[in-house]
């Protein structure tokens, strides 16, 4: 058994106007090539990165295995000076390590106070920020965050969705990205915003039989490529080499739609959270009925949801 695989479209020389007119309204991932990103694509070697931001401390994920799982938390958080971290992340075998000599490292930059402050490369890594020209294909007031990421070779991040549109800018190194449409959520065995299916290349179909129905979109990113990931699209990212990337998130919905306490861009919009709470209360109420009745009215509720809330196109 295998999933259908759809290659993500790759387009070169796309202007802001073309993106907003022809690509953005379609709400599908696309790889944008040949964009002007500044000097970062040539300057950001291991030596340069280490020297540019020096020994400021950074909080990182460390995992003894390549596939990081947010649900089972098979990694630990550790703190290292930035220059030490960059050199370690670029190594395959480590003389100094926390868990094992071939452990994997991952940095996802956060604000000064991770609970309250949003990641912004201009604030957390100001020297490196000068080397980057972020594609401004959205209005300035829509900007939410710019997340600086560094990954060891071989590292794979869990499948998840974000609630904001974003550009994944691959500055150095290569990545493979597997994506799934929001429509395929019923087949992804969700726990919150994350999928339980960790190994998308060799899934356990006995444990996750419906996963075979999910249509797999896939692309390979090289240095200088920019992947547009629309909000709600699931993505699983594999670093084929040591690499540096920058995620830029922006608010696609009106600002008041988002959870004010969301610093990561992954909390469901407030209306969606309220709707889920109401649904949970409705299901609790159904428990007052015998099983036969519960089953009947639950099916009627599903039909009502499909009739009132599902899109009726084939997009």
Foldseek 3Di string as FASTA:
>chain_A
DAAAEAEAAEEEDQDLVCCVPPPVVVQDKHKYFDDDWFQLLPQDDLVNQCVQQDFDKAKKWKAPDQFQDPVVRRTDIDIGGRNVLSVQLQDQAQPDDDPHRRIKMKGKDADPPNQAGAAACCPPRVRSVVRTDDRPSDDPVFWQYKIKMWIHAFHKYFKFFFQFKKKKAWAAAKKKKKKFALVLVVQQCDDQRTGPQRPNPDGDCVVRVSVSHTHIYMDMDHHRMIMINHGSMIMMMHGNHGTIIMMITTHPDPPQQCDNSDRPRHDHGPVVVVVVVVVVVVLVVLVVDPPVVSVVVVVVVVVVCCVPPNDPDDD
